[in-house]
Amino acid sequence: MSSVQYFKEVASEWDQMADSFFGESPRKTIYQNANWSQIKTVADLGCGAGYLTEGLADRDVKVTAIDQSQEMLDMMKSKLGEDRIDYLKGDGGSIPLQDNSIDLAIANMFLHHVDHPPKTIKEAYRIVKPGGQWIFTDLDEHENEFLVTEQHDKWMGFKREDITKWMTEAGFINVEIDCVGADCCASSSSSDSEAKVSIFMAKGEKPV
């Protein structure tokens, strides 16, 4: 089964799954690190069913929600509607937005599902305006192979030094990586294996 097929099958359950996997902490951490006084446009990359976007309803921002799964986009649209939200199908290898068009790019648990993380980070840099931000949360490096075989993760988390390197090479400045203060927890459906993986937040700015 491909990751596209996997997310098609779990789209209707994704909100409950996400809550059990990682709860509120990643979302709150991203919100707390954004320079909201300078933000009018946001790209939610790998948006899923709207985990990040749904918390922006009380902010005066225009969101572009992007996901490779049409089923996820449809689920999100049915919940959040189309007021100040545009929905686009796309993946991290070629984000369907123009250069320098977004004030803030955000993502949660997205990078470990892409084919080539450094390329996705470069794509985030491309779409963010000078002075804009890229903030995301993801998993620290781990050894839980069932997350690859059962949940179709493409990467078993990341070393933080690699994230720093990729962001710096892409052109971001003021790169920071820190603990979210929560773990992503999951149980295998085919064995007694359980995963408890720490979550990090990474952020950087595009030079003016």
Protein backbone atom coordinates (compact mmCIF):
# COMPACT_ATOMS: atom_id res chain seq x y z
CA MET A 1 0.00 0.00 0.00
CA SER A 2 1.29 3.46 -0.87
CA SER A 3 1.16 6.40 1.56
CA VAL A 4 -1.47 8.00 -0.72
CA GLN A 5 -3.68 4.93 -0.38
CA TYR A 6 -3.06 4.77 3.36
CA PHE A 7 -4.19 8.35 3.94
CA LYS A 8 -7.17 7.80 1.65
CA GLU A 9 -8.30 4.95 3.88
CA VAL A 10 -7.76 6.74 7.21
CA ALA A 11 -9.02 10.21 6.21
CA SER A 12 -12.35 9.86 8.03
CA GLU A 13 -10.57 8.74 11.22
CA TRP A 14 -7.58 11.07 11.06
CA ASP A 15 -8.74 13.61 13.65
CA GLN A 16 -9.10 10.92 16.30
CA MET A 17 -5.84 9.27 15.26
CA ALA A 18 -3.93 12.55 15.41
CA ASP A 19 -5.30 13.29 18.86
CA SER A 20 -4.12 9.91 20.11
CA PHE A 21 -0.72 10.24 18.40
CA PHE A 22 0.38 13.69 19.52
CA GLY A 23 -2.44 15.77 21.01
CA GLU A 24 -2.36 19.58 21.14
CA SER A 25 1.31 20.31 21.88
CA PRO A 26 2.72 20.52 18.32
CA ARG A 27 -0.05 22.86 17.21
CA LYS A 28 0.33 25.16 20.22
CA THR A 29 4.10 25.26 19.79
CA ILE A 30 3.84 26.32 16.15
CA TYR A 31 1.31 29.04 16.99
CA GLN A 32 3.49 30.37 19.81
CA ASN A 33 6.54 30.72 17.55
CA ALA A 34 4.89 32.56 14.65
CA ASN A 35 5.30 36.32 14.23
CA TRP A 36 1.57 36.93 13.87
CA SER A 37 1.85 40.71 13.62
CA GLN A 38 3.56 40.22 10.24
CA ILE A 39 1.43 37.36 8.88
CA LYS A 40 -1.50 37.61 6.48
CA THR A 41 -0.95 34.48 4.35
CA VAL A 42 -0.23 30.96 5.57
CA ALA A 43 0.55 27.70 3.76
CA ASP A 44 -0.35 24.54 5.69
CA LEU A 45 1.81 21.86 4.08
CA GLY A 46 0.65 18.26 4.40
CA CYS A 47 -2.45 19.70 6.02
CA GLY A 48 -4.24 16.39 6.53
CA ALA A 49 -7.73 16.99 7.88
CA GLY A 50 -6.86 20.49 9.11
CA TYR A 51 -5.03 19.92 12.41
CA LEU A 52 -3.11 23.21 12.12
CA THR A 53 -5.52 25.32 10.09
CA GLU A 54 -8.51 24.76 12.34
CA GLY A 55 -6.74 26.66 15.11
CA LEU A 56 -6.36 29.74 12.91
CA ALA A 57 -10.07 30.52 12.64
CA ASP A 58 -9.82 33.47 15.04
CA ARG A 59 -6.85 35.02 13.20
CA ASP A 60 -7.15 37.36 10.24
CA VAL A 61 -5.15 35.22 7.84
CA LYS A 62 -5.68 33.56 4.46
CA VAL A 63 -4.69 29.88 4.46
CA THR A 64 -3.68 27.69 1.56
CA ALA A 65 -4.08 24.05 2.61
CA ILE A 66 -2.00 21.57 0.61
CA ASP A 67 -2.03 17.78 0.76
CA GLN A 68 -1.36 14.87 -1.58
CA SER A 69 -4.59 13.19 -0.46
CA GLN A 70 -7.79 14.49 -2.02
CA GLU A 71 -9.72 12.58 0.65
CA MET A 72 -7.94 14.52 3.39
CA LEU A 73 -8.65 17.81 1.63
CA ASP A 74 -12.32 16.87 1.24
CA MET A 75 -12.54 15.95 4.91
CA MET A 76 -10.96 19.24 5.89
CA LYS A 77 -13.26 21.23 3.61
CA SER A 78 -16.34 19.54 5.07
CA LYS A 79 -15.26 20.64 8.56
CA LEU A 80 -13.80 24.08 7.96
CA GLY A 81 -15.50 25.29 4.79
CA GLU A 82 -13.90 27.65 2.27
CA ASP A 83 -13.95 30.97 4.12
CA ARG A 84 -10.35 32.25 3.93
CA ILE A 85 -9.08 28.76 3.01
CA ASP A 86 -7.91 27.58 -0.41
CA TYR A 87 -7.44 23.85 -0.97
CA LEU A 88 -4.73 22.53 -3.30
CA LYS A 89 -3.60 19.01 -4.07
CA GLY A 90 0.17 18.70 -4.10
CA ASP A 91 3.19 17.15 -2.42
CA GLY A 92 6.40 18.33 -0.85
CA GLY A 93 8.48 17.81 -3.95
CA SER A 94 6.76 20.57 -5.89
CA ILE A 95 4.56 22.83 -3.79
CA PRO A 96 1.89 24.41 -6.05
CA LEU A 97 2.51 28.02 -4.99
CA GLN A 98 4.43 30.89 -6.54
CA ASP A 99 7.81 32.09 -5.34
CA ASN A 100 7.77 34.56 -2.43
CA SER A 101 4.00 34.35 -2.01
CA ILE A 102 3.45 33.28 1.62
CA ASP A 103 4.22 34.97 4.94
CA LEU A 104 4.30 31.72 6.93
CA ALA A 105 4.67 28.07 5.94
CA ILE A 106 3.73 25.52 8.60
CA ALA A 107 3.59 21.74 8.82
CA ASN A 108 3.03 19.05 11.42
CA MET A 109 4.31 15.50 11.02
CA PHE A 110 4.75 16.14 7.31
CA LEU A 111 8.47 15.86 6.62
CA HIS A 112 8.77 12.17 7.49
CA HIS A 113 6.20 11.42 4.77
CA VAL A 114 8.02 13.13 1.90
CA ASP A 115 10.45 11.49 -0.50
CA HIS A 116 13.26 14.01 -0.20
CA PRO A 117 13.18 16.22 2.92
CA PRO A 118 15.96 18.65 1.84
CA LYS A 119 14.06 19.35 -1.37
CA THR A 120 10.84 19.99 0.55
CA ILE A 121 12.66 22.43 2.83
CA LYS A 122 13.99 24.23 -0.26
CA GLU A 123 10.45 24.37 -1.60
CA ALA A 124 9.27 25.93 1.67
CA TYR A 125 12.04 28.52 1.31
CA ARG A 126 10.99 29.23 -2.27
CA ILE A 127 7.35 30.01 -1.44
CA VAL A 128 8.00 32.07 1.69
CA LYS A 129 8.35 35.82 1.26
CA PRO A 130 11.55 37.59 2.34
CA GLY A 131 11.16 38.14 6.07
CA GLY A 132 8.70 35.24 6.28
CA GLN A 133 8.91 32.09 8.41
CA TRP A 134 8.95 28.32 8.03
CA ILE A 135 7.91 26.47 11.19
CA PHE A 136 7.25 22.75 11.49
CA THR A 137 7.12 19.90 13.96
CA ASP A 138 8.26 16.35 13.40
CA LEU A 139 9.79 13.28 15.00
CA ASP A 140 13.25 12.82 16.39
CA GLU A 141 15.18 9.88 14.96
CA HIS A 142 13.83 6.54 16.21
CA GLU A 143 13.94 2.78 15.55
CA ASN A 144 10.23 1.89 15.42
CA GLU A 145 10.06 0.09 12.09
CA PHE A 146 6.33 -0.63 12.32
CA LEU A 147 5.70 3.06 11.68
CA VAL A 148 7.17 2.47 8.22
CA THR A 149 5.41 -0.80 7.46
CA GLU A 150 2.02 0.02 9.02
CA GLN A 151 1.68 3.80 8.82
CA HIS A 152 3.82 4.24 5.71
CA ASP A 153 6.28 6.72 7.14
CA LYS A 154 9.13 7.24 4.67
CA TRP A 155 11.63 8.40 7.30
CA MET A 156 12.19 7.10 10.82
CA GLY A 157 12.41 10.58 12.25
CA PHE A 158 15.37 12.92 11.87
CA LYS A 159 18.59 13.97 13.52
CA ARG A 160 18.24 17.58 14.58
CA GLU A 161 21.66 18.43 13.18
CA ASP A 162 20.47 17.24 9.76
CA ILE A 163 17.42 19.49 9.97
CA THR A 164 19.63 22.44 10.88
CA LYS A 165 21.96 21.66 7.98
CA TRP A 166 19.15 21.33 5.43
CA MET A 167 17.46 24.53 6.55
CA THR A 168 20.71 26.48 6.49
CA GLU A 169 21.62 25.10 3.07
CA ALA A 170 18.18 26.11 1.78
CA GLY A 171 18.91 29.68 2.84
CA PHE A 172 17.04 30.08 6.11
CA ILE A 173 18.56 32.20 8.88
CA ASN A 174 17.96 32.31 12.63
CA VAL A 175 17.32 28.57 12.54
CA GLU A 176 16.17 27.16 15.87
CA ILE A 177 15.26 23.63 16.89
CA ASP A 178 13.78 22.76 20.25
CA CYS A 179 11.72 20.15 22.05
CA VAL A 180 7.97 20.46 21.82
CA GLY A 181 7.73 18.86 25.23
CA ALA A 182 5.56 15.96 24.09
CA ASP A 183 5.92 12.54 22.50
CA CYS A 184 4.22 10.93 19.54
CA CYS A 185 2.77 7.63 20.72
CA ALA A 186 1.49 4.76 18.61
CA SER A 187 0.86 1.03 18.92
CA SER A 188 1.48 -1.60 16.28
CA SER A 189 -1.58 -3.32 14.85
CA SER A 190 0.33 -6.53 14.16
CA SER A 191 2.56 -6.94 17.23
CA ASP A 192 3.06 -5.79 20.80
CA SER A 193 5.37 -2.99 19.68
CA GLU A 194 4.72 0.52 20.91
CA ALA A 195 6.38 3.76 19.88
CA LYS A 196 7.02 6.79 22.06
CA VAL A 197 9.03 9.30 20.06
CA SER A 198 9.97 12.83 21.10
CA ILE A 199 8.73 15.67 18.90
CA PHE A 200 10.83 18.67 17.88
CA MET A 201 9.95 22.07 16.47
CA ALA A 202 12.14 23.73 13.84
CA LYS A 203 11.85 27.29 12.63
CA GLY A 204 13.74 29.65 10.36
CA GLU A 205 13.37 32.95 8.57
CA LYS A 206 13.94 33.93 4.96
CA PRO A 207 16.36 36.86 4.74
CA VAL A 208 14.93 40.21 3.69
